[in-house]
Structure formats: C-alpha cells, structure tokens
Amino acid sequence: MIKPQKGSVFDEKIYKAIINLDKNESFIMLVEWIGQSMVKNAMSSTLQKDDVMSRWLQGRTQELEELLGYIRNARTSYENMQETKPSGMI
C-alpha cells in the first residue's frame, strides 16, 4: 500500500475526501464490506493448506487492514497535518 507522506498535498486531499465521505451511507457500507473481507481472508489464510496461498491471503489481509486504518484515522491524520503546517500555509 502507498504510505502517506508527511506533508504531502496528495495525502492531505485523500484524507479530506475520506472525511467528506464518512457520513455517506454507501461509503459506510463499502468500509464495512472491506472489513468483512479482511476477516474472511484472515480466517481463510489460517485454514489454507497451500503455503503460497496462505501467505498471499495474509498479505491481502494486511493490505485491507492498512486501508481500513487509513480510512479510520483520516480525520485525526488530517487535523495533525493542519497543526504541523507552518503559519501562513493553511
């Protein structure tokens, strides 16, 4: 997953977009679905006998977990970015 870069204008816009969507019912449903997919992949990876497929599912689970964390922490991350901007940059 693409990691946020401190002070990146792109990441600031992504955080703001997520914040704007966080009350949208369709977005909420999508985030719930991503969470369910993450749990399903985690469970499948533990039951998988094929080592390669198990590791692939673990990687997929990790990506979904990071994405959910990015979404859940968007408001705090955005606010922190605003606080750390030099004066006159907001």
PDB file of N, CA and C in Angstrom:
ATOM      1  N   MET A   1       0.845  -1.179   0.000  1.00  0.00           N
ATOM      2  CA  MET A   1       0.000   0.000   0.000  1.00  0.00           C
ATOM      3  C   MET A   1       0.885   1.234   0.000  1.00  0.00           C
ATOM      4  N   ILE A   2       0.393   2.262  -0.631  1.00  0.00           N
ATOM      5  CA  ILE A   2       1.118   3.526  -0.661  1.00  0.00           C
ATOM      6  C   ILE A   2       1.041   4.161   0.716  1.00  0.00           C
ATOM      7  N   LYS A   3       2.179   4.419   1.286  1.00  0.00           N
ATOM      8  CA  LYS A   3       2.231   5.026   2.615  1.00  0.00           C
ATOM      9  C   LYS A   3       2.056   6.534   2.514  1.00  0.00           C
ATOM     10  N   PRO A   4       1.293   7.113   3.439  1.00  0.00           N
ATOM     11  CA  PRO A   4       1.148   8.576   3.454  1.00  0.00           C
ATOM     12  C   PRO A   4       2.514   9.222   3.683  1.00  0.00           C
ATOM     13  N   GLN A   5       2.747  10.321   3.021  1.00  0.00           N
ATOM     14  CA  GLN A   5       3.994  11.045   3.201  1.00  0.00           C
ATOM     15  C   GLN A   5       3.701  12.311   3.971  1.00  0.00           C
ATOM     16  N   LYS A   6       4.431  12.505   5.021  1.00  0.00           N
ATOM     17  CA  LYS A   6       4.208  13.669   5.877  1.00  0.00           C
ATOM     18  C   LYS A   6       4.264  14.952   5.060  1.00  0.00           C
ATOM     19  N   GLY A   7       3.187  15.714   5.138  1.00  0.00           N
ATOM     20  CA  GLY A   7       3.136  16.993   4.454  1.00  0.00           C
ATOM     21  C   GLY A   7       2.759  16.904   2.981  1.00  0.00           C
ATOM     22  N   SER A   8       2.450  15.721   2.501  1.00  0.00           N
ATOM     23  CA  SER A   8       2.102  15.552   1.095  1.00  0.00           C
ATOM     24  C   SER A   8       0.738  16.165   0.800  1.00  0.00           C
ATOM     25  N   VAL A   9       0.676  17.002  -0.219  1.00  0.00           N
ATOM     26  CA  VAL A   9      -0.584  17.624  -0.622  1.00  0.00           C
ATOM     27  C   VAL A   9      -1.558  16.545  -1.085  1.00  0.00           C
ATOM     28  N   PHE A  10      -1.047  15.535  -1.803  1.00  0.00           N
ATOM     29  CA  PHE A  10      -1.900  14.441  -2.274  1.00  0.00           C
ATOM     30  C   PHE A  10      -2.573  13.739  -1.099  1.00  0.00           C
ATOM     31  N   ASP A  11      -1.803  13.374  -0.082  1.00  0.00           N
ATOM     32  CA  ASP A  11      -2.378  12.696   1.075  1.00  0.00           C
ATOM     33  C   ASP A  11      -3.360  13.578   1.810  1.00  0.00           C
ATOM     34  N   GLU A  12      -3.077  14.860   1.873  1.00  0.00           N
ATOM     35  CA  GLU A  12      -3.998  15.792   2.511  1.00  0.00           C
ATOM     36  C   GLU A  12      -5.343  15.777   1.785  1.00  0.00           C
ATOM     37  N   LYS A  13      -5.303  15.740   0.459  1.00  0.00           N
ATOM     38  CA  LYS A  13      -6.536  15.700  -0.326  1.00  0.00           C
ATOM     39  C   LYS A  13      -7.272  14.376  -0.154  1.00  0.00           C
ATOM     40  N   ILE A  14      -6.535  13.283  -0.054  1.00  0.00           N
ATOM     41  CA  ILE A  14      -7.156  11.977   0.165  1.00  0.00           C
ATOM     42  C   ILE A  14      -7.838  11.948   1.532  1.00  0.00           C
ATOM     43  N   TYR A  15      -7.134  12.416   2.570  1.00  0.00           N
ATOM     44  CA  TYR A  15      -7.741  12.472   3.900  1.00  0.00           C
ATOM     45  C   TYR A  15      -9.016  13.307   3.875  1.00  0.00           C
ATOM     46  N   LYS A  16      -8.964  14.444   3.225  1.00  0.00           N
ATOM     47  CA  LYS A  16     -10.126  15.326   3.159  1.00  0.00           C
ATOM     48  C   LYS A  16     -11.283  14.645   2.416  1.00  0.00           C
ATOM     49  N   ALA A  17     -10.982  13.923   1.349  1.00  0.00           N
ATOM     50  CA  ALA A  17     -12.012  13.193   0.607  1.00  0.00           C
ATOM     51  C   ALA A  17     -12.662  12.127   1.488  1.00  0.00           C
ATOM     52  N   ILE A  18     -11.852  11.411   2.256  1.00  0.00           N
ATOM     53  CA  ILE A  18     -12.389  10.388   3.156  1.00  0.00           C
ATOM     54  C   ILE A  18     -13.278  11.039   4.210  1.00  0.00           C
ATOM     55  N   ILE A  19     -12.830  12.150   4.772  1.00  0.00           N
ATOM     56  CA  ILE A  19     -13.627  12.867   5.772  1.00  0.00           C
ATOM     57  C   ILE A  19     -14.961  13.299   5.176  1.00  0.00           C
ATOM     58  N   ASN A  20     -14.941  13.778   3.941  1.00  0.00           N
ATOM     59  CA  ASN A  20     -16.175  14.208   3.282  1.00  0.00           C
ATOM     60  C   ASN A  20     -17.132  13.043   3.039  1.00  0.00           C
ATOM     61  N   LEU A  21     -16.600  11.837   2.909  1.00  0.00           N
ATOM     62  CA  LEU A  21     -17.428  10.669   2.632  1.00  0.00           C
ATOM     63  C   LEU A  21     -17.871   9.916   3.882  1.00  0.00           C
ATOM     64  N   ASP A  22     -17.291  10.226   5.036  1.00  0.00           N
ATOM     65  CA  ASP A  22     -17.507   9.375   6.203  1.00  0.00           C
ATOM     66  C   ASP A  22     -18.940   9.332   6.737  1.00  0.00           C
ATOM     67  N   LYS A  23     -19.801  10.191   6.272  1.00  0.00           N
ATOM     68  CA  LYS A  23     -21.221  10.138   6.676  1.00  0.00           C
ATOM     69  C   LYS A  23     -22.104   9.573   5.560  1.00  0.00           C
ATOM     70  N   ASN A  24     -21.509   9.292   4.409  1.00  0.00           N
ATOM     71  CA  ASN A  24     -22.244   8.764   3.266  1.00  0.00           C
ATOM     72  C   ASN A  24     -22.572   7.285   3.495  1.00  0.00           C
ATOM     73  N   GLU A  25     -23.855   6.932   3.393  1.00  0.00           N
ATOM     74  CA  GLU A  25     -24.275   5.556   3.671  1.00  0.00           C
ATOM     75  C   GLU A  25     -23.599   4.538   2.765  1.00  0.00           C
ATOM     76  N   SER A  26     -23.438   4.867   1.504  1.00  0.00           N
ATOM     77  CA  SER A  26     -22.789   3.944   0.571  1.00  0.00           C
ATOM     78  C   SER A  26     -21.320   3.740   0.943  1.00  0.00           C
ATOM     79  N   PHE A  27     -20.640   4.799   1.346  1.00  0.00           N
ATOM     80  CA  PHE A  27     -19.246   4.690   1.754  1.00  0.00           C
ATOM     81  C   PHE A  27     -19.130   3.856   3.024  1.00  0.00           C
ATOM     82  N   ILE A  28     -20.041   4.083   3.960  1.00  0.00           N
ATOM     83  CA  ILE A  28     -20.044   3.300   5.204  1.00  0.00           C
ATOM     84  C   ILE A  28     -20.220   1.820   4.886  1.00  0.00           C
ATOM     85  N   MET A  29     -21.123   1.512   3.954  1.00  0.00           N
ATOM     86  CA  MET A  29     -21.349   0.123   3.562  1.00  0.00           C
ATOM     87  C   MET A  29     -20.098  -0.470   2.915  1.00  0.00           C
ATOM     88  N   LEU A  30     -19.421   0.322   2.088  1.00  0.00           N
ATOM     89  CA  LEU A  30     -18.193  -0.135   1.451  1.00  0.00           C
ATOM     90  C   LEU A  30     -17.115  -0.438   2.490  1.00  0.00           C
ATOM     91  N   VAL A  31     -16.956   0.437   3.469  1.00  0.00           N
ATOM     92  CA  VAL A  31     -15.949   0.236   4.518  1.00  0.00           C
ATOM     93  C   VAL A  31     -16.274  -1.021   5.335  1.00  0.00           C
ATOM     94  N   GLU A  32     -17.554  -1.243   5.627  1.00  0.00           N
ATOM     95  CA  GLU A  32     -17.959  -2.459   6.345  1.00  0.00           C
ATOM     96  C   GLU A  32     -17.636  -3.705   5.527  1.00  0.00           C
ATOM     97  N   TRP A  33     -17.883  -3.625   4.226  1.00  0.00           N
ATOM     98  CA  TRP A  33     -17.595  -4.755   3.340  1.00  0.00           C
ATOM     99  C   TRP A  33     -16.095  -5.053   3.302  1.00  0.00           C
ATOM    100  N   ILE A  34     -15.282  -4.008   3.260  1.00  0.00           N
ATOM    101  CA  ILE A  34     -13.830  -4.191   3.288  1.00  0.00           C
ATOM    102  C   ILE A  34     -13.426  -4.887   4.591  1.00  0.00           C
ATOM    103  N   GLY A  35     -14.033  -4.464   5.705  1.00  0.00           N
ATOM    104  CA  GLY A  35     -13.739  -5.092   6.994  1.00  0.00           C
ATOM    105  C   GLY A  35     -14.129  -6.562   7.022  1.00  0.00           C
ATOM    106  N   GLN A  36     -15.289  -6.885   6.454  1.00  0.00           N
ATOM    107  CA  GLN A  36     -15.726  -8.280   6.392  1.00  0.00           C
ATOM    108  C   GLN A  36     -14.789  -9.104   5.510  1.00  0.00           C
ATOM    109  N   SER A  37     -14.348  -8.518   4.403  1.00  0.00           N
ATOM    110  CA  SER A  37     -13.401  -9.203   3.519  1.00  0.00           C
ATOM    111  C   SER A  37     -12.084  -9.468   4.237  1.00  0.00           C
ATOM    112  N   MET A  38     -11.655  -8.519   5.042  1.00  0.00           N
ATOM    113  CA  MET A  38     -10.420  -8.673   5.788  1.00  0.00           C
ATOM    114  C   MET A  38     -10.523  -9.860   6.752  1.00  0.00           C
ATOM    115  N   VAL A  39     -11.630  -9.930   7.475  1.00  0.00           N
ATOM    116  CA  VAL A  39     -11.830 -11.027   8.430  1.00  0.00           C
ATOM    117  C   VAL A  39     -11.896 -12.372   7.698  1.00  0.00           C
ATOM    118  N   LYS A  40     -12.619 -12.398   6.597  1.00  0.00           N
ATOM    119  CA  LYS A  40     -12.754 -13.633   5.812  1.00  0.00           C
ATOM    120  C   LYS A  40     -11.393 -14.104   5.307  1.00  0.00           C
ATOM    121  N   ASN A  41     -10.580 -13.173   4.809  1.00  0.00           N
ATOM    122  CA  ASN A  41      -9.242 -13.530   4.340  1.00  0.00           C
ATOM    123  C   ASN A  41      -8.360 -14.023   5.472  1.00  0.00           C
ATOM    124  N   ALA A  42      -8.462 -13.377   6.629  1.00  0.00           N
ATOM    125  CA  ALA A  42      -7.661 -13.799   7.782  1.00  0.00           C
ATOM    126  C   ALA A  42      -8.012 -15.230   8.185  1.00  0.00           C
ATOM    127  N   MET A  43      -9.305 -15.509   8.214  1.00  0.00           N
ATOM    128  CA  MET A  43      -9.743 -16.866   8.582  1.00  0.00           C
ATOM    129  C   MET A  43      -9.321 -17.874   7.519  1.00  0.00           C
ATOM    130  N   SER A  44      -9.469 -17.515   6.259  1.00  0.00           N
ATOM    131  CA  SER A  44      -9.098 -18.420   5.168  1.00  0.00           C
ATOM    132  C   SER A  44      -7.608 -18.727   5.176  1.00  0.00           C
ATOM    133  N   SER A  45      -6.799 -17.738   5.509  1.00  0.00           N
ATOM    134  CA  SER A  45      -5.351 -17.959   5.490  1.00  0.00           C
ATOM    135  C   SER A  45      -4.923 -18.960   6.554  1.00  0.00           C
ATOM    136  N   THR A  46      -5.635 -18.985   7.682  1.00  0.00           N
ATOM    137  CA  THR A  46      -5.274 -19.943   8.733  1.00  0.00           C
ATOM    138  C   THR A  46      -5.708 -21.365   8.380  1.00  0.00           C
ATOM    139  N   LEU A  47      -6.730 -21.490   7.543  1.00  0.00           N
ATOM    140  CA  LEU A  47      -7.234 -22.808   7.153  1.00  0.00           C
ATOM    141  C   LEU A  47      -6.571 -23.342   5.887  1.00  0.00           C
ATOM    142  N   GLN A  48      -5.868 -22.478   5.187  1.00  0.00           N
ATOM    143  CA  GLN A  48      -5.266 -22.830   3.898  1.00  0.00           C
ATOM    144  C   GLN A  48      -4.086 -23.765   4.094  1.00  0.00           C
ATOM    145  N   LYS A  49      -4.098 -24.885   3.381  1.00  0.00           N
ATOM    146  CA  LYS A  49      -3.006 -25.854   3.481  1.00  0.00           C
ATOM    147  C   LYS A  49      -1.844 -25.505   2.543  1.00  0.00           C
ATOM    148  N   ASP A  50      -2.147 -24.841   1.449  1.00  0.00           N
ATOM    149  CA  ASP A  50      -1.120 -24.431   0.490  1.00  0.00           C
ATOM    150  C   ASP A  50      -0.394 -23.216   1.065  1.00  0.00           C
ATOM    151  N   ASP A  51       0.902 -23.368   1.320  1.00  0.00           N
ATOM    152  CA  ASP A  51       1.689 -22.316   1.965  1.00  0.00           C
ATOM    153  C   ASP A  51       1.717 -21.022   1.139  1.00  0.00           C
ATOM    154  N   VAL A  52       1.829 -21.137  -0.176  1.00  0.00           N
ATOM    155  CA  VAL A  52       1.880 -19.956  -1.034  1.00  0.00           C
ATOM    156  C   VAL A  52       0.553 -19.202  -0.957  1.00  0.00           C
ATOM    157  N   MET A  53      -0.550 -19.931  -1.052  1.00  0.00           N
ATOM    158  CA  MET A  53      -1.869 -19.301  -0.992  1.00  0.00           C
ATOM    159  C   MET A  53      -2.116 -18.697   0.389  1.00  0.00           C
ATOM    160  N   SER A  54      -1.647 -19.362   1.423  1.00  0.00           N
ATOM    161  CA  SER A  54      -1.797 -18.841   2.785  1.00  0.00           C
ATOM    162  C   SER A  54      -1.083 -17.504   2.931  1.00  0.00           C
ATOM    163  N   ARG A  55       0.134 -17.427   2.422  1.00  0.00           N
ATOM    164  CA  ARG A  55       0.893 -16.175   2.503  1.00  0.00           C
ATOM    165  C   ARG A  55       0.251 -15.078   1.653  1.00  0.00           C
ATOM    166  N   TRP A  56      -0.288 -15.448   0.506  1.00  0.00           N
ATOM    167  CA  TRP A  56      -0.972 -14.484  -0.344  1.00  0.00           C
ATOM    168  C   TRP A  56      -2.183 -13.905   0.395  1.00  0.00           C
ATOM    169  N   LEU A  57      -2.956 -14.775   1.037  1.00  0.00           N
ATOM    170  CA  LEU A  57      -4.124 -14.313   1.799  1.00  0.00           C
ATOM    171  C   LEU A  57      -3.707 -13.442   2.983  1.00  0.00           C
ATOM    172  N   GLN A  58      -2.596 -13.788   3.626  1.00  0.00           N
ATOM    173  CA  GLN A  58      -2.097 -12.970   4.730  1.00  0.00           C
ATOM    174  C   GLN A  58      -1.711 -11.583   4.241  1.00  0.00           C
ATOM    175  N   GLY A  59      -1.066 -11.518   3.078  1.00  0.00           N
ATOM    176  CA  GLY A  59      -0.700 -10.231   2.505  1.00  0.00           C
ATOM    177  C   GLY A  59      -1.929  -9.405   2.150  1.00  0.00           C
ATOM    178  N   ARG A  60      -2.915 -10.071   1.587  1.00  0.00           N
ATOM    179  CA  ARG A  60      -4.158  -9.380   1.242  1.00  0.00           C
ATOM    180  C   ARG A  60      -4.842  -8.851   2.500  1.00  0.00           C
ATOM    181  N   THR A  61      -4.856  -9.654   3.534  1.00  0.00           N
ATOM    182  CA  THR A  61      -5.445  -9.234   4.810  1.00  0.00           C
ATOM    183  C   THR A  61      -4.727  -8.011   5.355  1.00  0.00           C
ATOM    184  N   GLN A  62      -3.406  -8.023   5.279  1.00  0.00           N
ATOM    185  CA  GLN A  62      -2.613  -6.898   5.776  1.00  0.00           C
ATOM    186  C   GLN A  62      -2.928  -5.629   4.983  1.00  0.00           C
ATOM    187  N   GLU A  63      -3.054  -5.733   3.671  1.00  0.00           N
ATOM    188  CA  GLU A  63      -3.387  -4.574   2.845  1.00  0.00           C
ATOM    189  C   GLU A  63      -4.752  -4.005   3.223  1.00  0.00           C
ATOM    190  N   LEU A  64      -5.739  -4.875   3.404  1.00  0.00           N
ATOM    191  CA  LEU A  64      -7.077  -4.414   3.773  1.00  0.00           C
ATOM    192  C   LEU A  64      -7.068  -3.766   5.153  1.00  0.00           C
ATOM    193  N   GLU A  65      -6.287  -4.338   6.066  1.00  0.00           N
ATOM    194  CA  GLU A  65      -6.178  -3.776   7.409  1.00  0.00           C
ATOM    195  C   GLU A  65      -5.554  -2.378   7.355  1.00  0.00           C
ATOM    196  N   GLU A  66      -4.521  -2.207   6.542  1.00  0.00           N
ATOM    197  CA  GLU A  66      -3.885  -0.895   6.399  1.00  0.00           C
ATOM    198  C   GLU A  66      -4.847   0.116   5.775  1.00  0.00           C
ATOM    199  N   LEU A  67      -5.608  -0.321   4.781  1.00  0.00           N
ATOM    200  CA  LEU A  67      -6.580   0.556   4.143  1.00  0.00           C
ATOM    201  C   LEU A  67      -7.636   1.010   5.144  1.00  0.00           C
ATOM    202  N   LEU A  68      -8.148   0.070   5.936  1.00  0.00           N
ATOM    203  CA  LEU A  68      -9.136   0.428   6.957  1.00  0.00           C
ATOM    204  C   LEU A  68      -8.549   1.387   7.982  1.00  0.00           C
ATOM    205  N   GLY A  69      -7.309   1.172   8.373  1.00  0.00           N
ATOM    206  CA  GLY A  69      -6.652   2.078   9.319  1.00  0.00           C
ATOM    207  C   GLY A  69      -6.516   3.473   8.733  1.00  0.00           C
ATOM    208  N   TYR A  70      -6.168   3.552   7.467  1.00  0.00           N
ATOM    209  CA  TYR A  70      -6.042   4.828   6.773  1.00  0.00           C
ATOM    210  C   TYR A  70      -7.387   5.558   6.785  1.00  0.00           C
ATOM    211  N   ILE A  71      -8.458   4.812   6.513  1.00  0.00           N
ATOM    212  CA  ILE A  71      -9.804   5.402   6.498  1.00  0.00           C
ATOM    213  C   ILE A  71     -10.215   5.833   7.905  1.00  0.00           C
ATOM    214  N   ARG A  72     -10.029   4.956   8.878  1.00  0.00           N
ATOM    215  CA  ARG A  72     -10.463   5.244  10.250  1.00  0.00           C
ATOM    216  C   ARG A  72      -9.696   6.396  10.887  1.00  0.00           C
ATOM    217  N   ASN A  73      -8.453   6.573  10.495  1.00  0.00           N
ATOM    218  CA  ASN A  73      -7.620   7.613  11.097  1.00  0.00           C
ATOM    219  C   ASN A  73      -7.527   8.880  10.254  1.00  0.00           C
ATOM    220  N   ALA A  74      -8.336   8.959   9.206  1.00  0.00           N
ATOM    221  CA  ALA A  74      -8.239  10.084   8.267  1.00  0.00           C
ATOM    222  C   ALA A  74      -8.432  11.431   8.956  1.00  0.00           C
ATOM    223  N   ARG A  75      -9.447  11.552   9.782  1.00  0.00           N
ATOM    224  CA  ARG A  75      -9.739  12.845  10.415  1.00  0.00           C
ATOM    225  C   ARG A  75      -8.582  13.275  11.316  1.00  0.00           C
ATOM    226  N   THR A  76      -8.110  12.377  12.159  1.00  0.00           N
ATOM    227  CA  THR A  76      -7.008  12.701  13.069  1.00  0.00           C
ATOM    228  C   THR A  76      -5.736  13.036  12.286  1.00  0.00           C
ATOM    229  N   SER A  77      -5.450  12.243  11.268  1.00  0.00           N
ATOM    230  CA  SER A  77      -4.258  12.490  10.455  1.00  0.00           C
ATOM    231  C   SER A  77      -4.348  13.837   9.751  1.00  0.00           C
ATOM    232  N   TYR A  78      -5.532  14.157   9.212  1.00  0.00           N
ATOM    233  CA  TYR A  78      -5.724  15.437   8.530  1.00  0.00           C
ATOM    234  C   TYR A  78      -5.543  16.593   9.512  1.00  0.00           C
ATOM    235  N   GLU A  79      -6.146  16.468  10.691  1.00  0.00           N
ATOM    236  CA  GLU A  79      -6.022  17.527  11.701  1.00  0.00           C
ATOM    237  C   GLU A  79      -4.567  17.704  12.126  1.00  0.00           C
ATOM    238  N   ASN A  80      -3.855  16.595  12.272  1.00  0.00           N
ATOM    239  CA  ASN A  80      -2.432  16.674  12.633  1.00  0.00           C
ATOM    240  C   ASN A  80      -1.626  17.368  11.540  1.00  0.00           C
ATOM    241  N   MET A  81      -1.971  17.100  10.290  1.00  0.00           N
ATOM    242  CA  MET A  81      -1.281  17.766   9.181  1.00  0.00           C
ATOM    243  C   MET A  81      -1.519  19.266   9.224  1.00  0.00           C
ATOM    244  N   GLN A  82      -2.740  19.654   9.571  1.00  0.00           N
ATOM    245  CA  GLN A  82      -3.073  21.074   9.634  1.00  0.00           C
ATOM    246  C   GLN A  82      -2.326  21.769  10.767  1.00  0.00           C
ATOM    247  N   GLU A  83      -2.177  21.070  11.891  1.00  0.00           N
ATOM    248  CA  GLU A  83      -1.493  21.644  13.053  1.00  0.00           C
ATOM    249  C   GLU A  83      -0.005  21.808  12.824  1.00  0.00           C
ATOM    250  N   THR A  84       0.573  20.944  12.003  1.00  0.00           N
ATOM    251  CA  THR A  84       2.032  20.971  11.816  1.00  0.00           C
ATOM    252  C   THR A  84       2.462  21.836  10.625  1.00  0.00           C
ATOM    253  N   LYS A  85       1.495  22.414   9.907  1.00  0.00           N
ATOM    254  CA  LYS A  85       1.850  23.312   8.804  1.00  0.00           C
ATOM    255  C   LYS A  85       2.439  24.598   9.357  1.00  0.00           C
ATOM    256  N   PRO A  86       3.455  25.114   8.684  1.00  0.00           N
ATOM    257  CA  PRO A  86       3.991  26.422   9.097  1.00  0.00           C
ATOM    258  C   PRO A  86       2.897  27.481   8.964  1.00  0.00           C
ATOM    259  N   SER A  87       2.925  28.488   9.810  1.00  0.00           N
ATOM    260  CA  SER A  87       1.898  29.527   9.765  1.00  0.00           C
ATOM    261  C   SER A  87       1.898  30.191   8.392  1.00  0.00           C
ATOM    262  N   GLY A  88       0.698  30.506   7.945  1.00  0.00           N
ATOM    263  CA  GLY A  88       0.516  31.102   6.637  1.00  0.00           C
ATOM    264  C   GLY A  88       0.326  30.087   5.521  1.00  0.00           C
ATOM    265  N   MET A  89       0.429  28.781   5.850  1.00  0.00           N
ATOM    266  CA  MET A  89       0.283  27.736   4.858  1.00  0.00           C
ATOM    267  C   MET A  89      -1.106  27.106   4.847  1.00  0.00           C
ATOM    268  N   ILE A  90      -1.919  27.388   5.862  1.00  0.00           N
ATOM    269  CA  ILE A  90      -3.239  26.759   5.968  1.00  0.00           C
ATOM    270  C   ILE A  90      -4.217  27.411   5.047  1.00  0.00           C
TER     271      ILE A  90
END
